[in-house]
Amino acid sequence: YAATLGGARVLGKEAEIGSIECGKQADLAFFPMPQNLTTVPDLLANLTYLLPETPAKAVFIAGTSMI
């Protein structure tokens, strides 16, 4: 929350950024979920380790598809 909607509020831009909804800008990347990540205790650490070898399925910059 602090890095998303809270950060947008601090900047006075909650109408434009801070959450994923129609009319707001967003930068998103979608990656396939490797099968071996379903039972690991630290999902974020494992995603950080594995994602450099995993191509993104979709990337959106300011709400516009790049792939």
N, C-alpha and C. Protein backbone atom coordinates (compact mmCIF):
# COMPACT_ATOMS: atom_id res chain seq x y z
N TYR A 1 0.83 -1.20 0.00
CA TYR A 1 0.00 0.00 0.00
C TYR A 1 0.87 1.26 0.00
N ALA A 2 1.87 1.34 0.85
CA ALA A 2 2.70 2.54 0.96
C ALA A 2 3.40 2.85 -0.36
N ALA A 3 3.77 1.83 -1.12
CA ALA A 3 4.48 2.06 -2.39
C ALA A 3 3.53 2.22 -3.57
N THR A 4 2.24 2.02 -3.35
CA THR A 4 1.29 2.13 -4.46
C THR A 4 0.35 3.30 -4.23
N LEU A 5 -0.82 3.05 -3.68
CA LEU A 5 -1.80 4.10 -3.47
C LEU A 5 -1.32 5.14 -2.47
N GLY A 6 -0.62 4.71 -1.42
CA GLY A 6 -0.08 5.65 -0.44
C GLY A 6 0.93 6.59 -1.07
N GLY A 7 1.80 6.05 -1.90
CA GLY A 7 2.78 6.88 -2.59
C GLY A 7 2.12 7.86 -3.55
N ALA A 8 1.08 7.42 -4.24
CA ALA A 8 0.35 8.31 -5.15
C ALA A 8 -0.32 9.44 -4.38
N ARG A 9 -0.85 9.13 -3.21
CA ARG A 9 -1.48 10.18 -2.38
C ARG A 9 -0.47 11.22 -1.93
N VAL A 10 0.71 10.77 -1.52
CA VAL A 10 1.75 11.70 -1.09
C VAL A 10 2.12 12.64 -2.23
N LEU A 11 2.14 12.11 -3.45
CA LEU A 11 2.48 12.93 -4.62
C LEU A 11 1.30 13.75 -5.14
N GLY A 12 0.11 13.50 -4.59
CA GLY A 12 -1.08 14.20 -5.08
C GLY A 12 -1.54 13.71 -6.44
N LYS A 13 -1.22 12.43 -6.76
CA LYS A 13 -1.55 11.88 -8.07
C LYS A 13 -2.42 10.64 -7.99
N GLU A 14 -3.20 10.49 -6.92
CA GLU A 14 -4.00 9.28 -6.77
C GLU A 14 -5.06 9.11 -7.86
N ALA A 15 -5.39 10.18 -8.58
CA ALA A 15 -6.34 10.06 -9.69
C ALA A 15 -5.68 9.46 -10.93
N GLU A 16 -4.34 9.51 -11.01
CA GLU A 16 -3.63 9.04 -12.20
C GLU A 16 -2.87 7.74 -11.99
N ILE A 17 -2.35 7.52 -10.77
CA ILE A 17 -1.50 6.36 -10.51
C ILE A 17 -1.83 5.77 -9.13
N GLY A 18 -1.22 4.65 -8.79
CA GLY A 18 -1.32 4.11 -7.44
C GLY A 18 -2.16 2.86 -7.32
N SER A 19 -2.98 2.57 -8.33
CA SER A 19 -3.77 1.34 -8.31
C SER A 19 -4.02 0.92 -9.75
N ILE A 20 -4.37 -0.33 -9.92
CA ILE A 20 -4.63 -0.86 -11.25
C ILE A 20 -6.14 -0.79 -11.49
N GLU A 21 -6.53 0.17 -12.31
CA GLU A 21 -7.94 0.33 -12.67
C GLU A 21 -8.04 1.15 -13.94
N CYS A 22 -9.18 1.12 -14.59
CA CYS A 22 -9.40 1.84 -15.84
C CYS A 22 -9.10 3.32 -15.66
N GLY A 23 -8.38 3.89 -16.62
CA GLY A 23 -8.09 5.30 -16.62
C GLY A 23 -6.81 5.69 -15.91
N LYS A 24 -6.15 4.74 -15.23
CA LYS A 24 -4.91 5.04 -14.54
C LYS A 24 -3.73 4.44 -15.30
N GLN A 25 -2.57 5.09 -15.18
CA GLN A 25 -1.36 4.58 -15.80
C GLN A 25 -0.80 3.45 -14.94
N ALA A 26 -0.19 2.48 -15.60
CA ALA A 26 0.40 1.37 -14.86
C ALA A 26 1.54 0.76 -15.66
N ASP A 27 2.57 0.31 -14.96
CA ASP A 27 3.65 -0.47 -15.55
C ASP A 27 3.54 -1.87 -14.96
N LEU A 28 3.30 -2.86 -15.80
CA LEU A 28 3.12 -4.23 -15.34
C LEU A 28 3.92 -5.18 -16.21
N ALA A 29 4.35 -6.28 -15.63
CA ALA A 29 4.99 -7.35 -16.40
C ALA A 29 4.41 -8.67 -15.91
N PHE A 30 4.04 -9.53 -16.84
CA PHE A 30 3.47 -10.83 -16.51
C PHE A 30 4.46 -11.93 -16.92
N PHE A 31 4.75 -12.82 -15.98
CA PHE A 31 5.68 -13.92 -16.20
C PHE A 31 4.96 -15.24 -15.95
N PRO A 32 5.33 -16.29 -16.68
CA PRO A 32 4.77 -17.61 -16.38
C PRO A 32 5.27 -18.09 -15.02
N MET A 33 4.46 -18.79 -14.30
CA MET A 33 4.83 -19.29 -12.98
C MET A 33 5.47 -20.68 -13.14
N PRO A 34 6.78 -20.78 -12.86
CA PRO A 34 7.42 -22.10 -12.95
C PRO A 34 6.78 -23.08 -11.96
N GLN A 35 6.67 -24.32 -12.36
CA GLN A 35 6.03 -25.35 -11.54
C GLN A 35 6.69 -25.53 -10.18
N ASN A 36 8.01 -25.38 -10.11
CA ASN A 36 8.72 -25.65 -8.87
C ASN A 36 8.61 -24.52 -7.84
N LEU A 37 7.87 -23.45 -8.14
CA LEU A 37 7.72 -22.35 -7.18
C LEU A 37 6.47 -22.48 -6.31
N THR A 38 5.69 -23.50 -6.50
CA THR A 38 4.42 -23.59 -5.78
C THR A 38 4.58 -24.01 -4.33
N THR A 39 5.72 -24.56 -3.95
CA THR A 39 5.86 -25.05 -2.57
C THR A 39 7.04 -24.42 -1.82
N VAL A 40 7.64 -23.40 -2.38
CA VAL A 40 8.80 -22.79 -1.73
C VAL A 40 8.37 -21.79 -0.66
N PRO A 41 9.14 -21.68 0.44
CA PRO A 41 8.74 -20.78 1.52
C PRO A 41 8.94 -19.30 1.19
N ASP A 42 9.93 -18.95 0.36
CA ASP A 42 10.20 -17.55 0.06
C ASP A 42 9.98 -17.31 -1.43
N LEU A 43 8.74 -17.07 -1.80
CA LEU A 43 8.37 -16.92 -3.21
C LEU A 43 9.09 -15.75 -3.86
N LEU A 44 9.18 -14.62 -3.20
CA LEU A 44 9.82 -13.44 -3.78
C LEU A 44 11.30 -13.70 -4.10
N ALA A 45 12.00 -14.34 -3.18
CA ALA A 45 13.42 -14.65 -3.43
C ALA A 45 13.56 -15.59 -4.62
N ASN A 46 12.71 -16.58 -4.72
CA ASN A 46 12.79 -17.53 -5.82
C ASN A 46 12.42 -16.88 -7.15
N LEU A 47 11.43 -16.00 -7.15
CA LEU A 47 11.08 -15.30 -8.38
C LEU A 47 12.24 -14.42 -8.83
N THR A 48 12.88 -13.74 -7.90
CA THR A 48 14.02 -12.89 -8.22
C THR A 48 15.15 -13.70 -8.83
N TYR A 49 15.37 -14.90 -8.33
CA TYR A 49 16.43 -15.76 -8.83
C TYR A 49 16.10 -16.33 -10.21
N LEU A 50 14.84 -16.73 -10.44
CA LEU A 50 14.48 -17.42 -11.67
C LEU A 50 14.05 -16.51 -12.82
N LEU A 51 13.53 -15.32 -12.53
CA LEU A 51 12.97 -14.49 -13.60
C LEU A 51 13.96 -14.03 -14.65
N PRO A 52 15.22 -13.77 -14.31
CA PRO A 52 16.13 -13.37 -15.40
C PRO A 52 16.23 -14.39 -16.53
N GLU A 53 15.93 -15.63 -16.27
CA GLU A 53 15.97 -16.68 -17.30
C GLU A 53 14.60 -16.93 -17.91
N THR A 54 13.56 -16.23 -17.43
CA THR A 54 12.20 -16.47 -17.88
C THR A 54 11.69 -15.25 -18.65
N PRO A 55 11.41 -15.39 -19.95
CA PRO A 55 10.92 -14.22 -20.69
C PRO A 55 9.52 -13.82 -20.24
N ALA A 56 9.25 -12.53 -20.27
CA ALA A 56 7.93 -12.01 -19.92
C ALA A 56 6.92 -12.42 -20.98
N LYS A 57 5.71 -12.72 -20.56
CA LYS A 57 4.62 -13.04 -21.49
C LYS A 57 3.94 -11.77 -21.98
N ALA A 58 3.92 -10.73 -21.14
CA ALA A 58 3.32 -9.45 -21.51
C ALA A 58 3.95 -8.35 -20.66
N VAL A 59 4.13 -7.18 -21.26
CA VAL A 59 4.65 -6.01 -20.55
C VAL A 59 3.80 -4.81 -20.94
N PHE A 60 3.39 -4.03 -19.95
CA PHE A 60 2.61 -2.83 -20.17
C PHE A 60 3.34 -1.65 -19.53
N ILE A 61 3.58 -0.61 -20.32
CA ILE A 61 4.21 0.62 -19.83
C ILE A 61 3.17 1.73 -19.97
N ALA A 62 2.85 2.38 -18.85
CA ALA A 62 1.82 3.44 -18.84
C ALA A 62 0.52 2.93 -19.45
N GLY A 63 0.23 1.65 -19.20
CA GLY A 63 -1.01 1.06 -19.67
C GLY A 63 -1.02 0.62 -21.12
N THR A 64 0.13 0.71 -21.81
CA THR A 64 0.21 0.33 -23.22
C THR A 64 1.03 -0.94 -23.36
N SER A 65 0.51 -1.91 -24.11
CA SER A 65 1.20 -3.19 -24.30
C SER A 65 2.47 -3.01 -25.09
N MET A 66 3.56 -3.60 -24.61
CA MET A 66 4.85 -3.53 -25.30
C MET A 66 5.21 -4.86 -25.98
N ILE A 67 4.54 -5.94 -25.60
CA ILE A 67 4.80 -7.25 -26.22
C ILE A 67 3.48 -7.77 -26.76
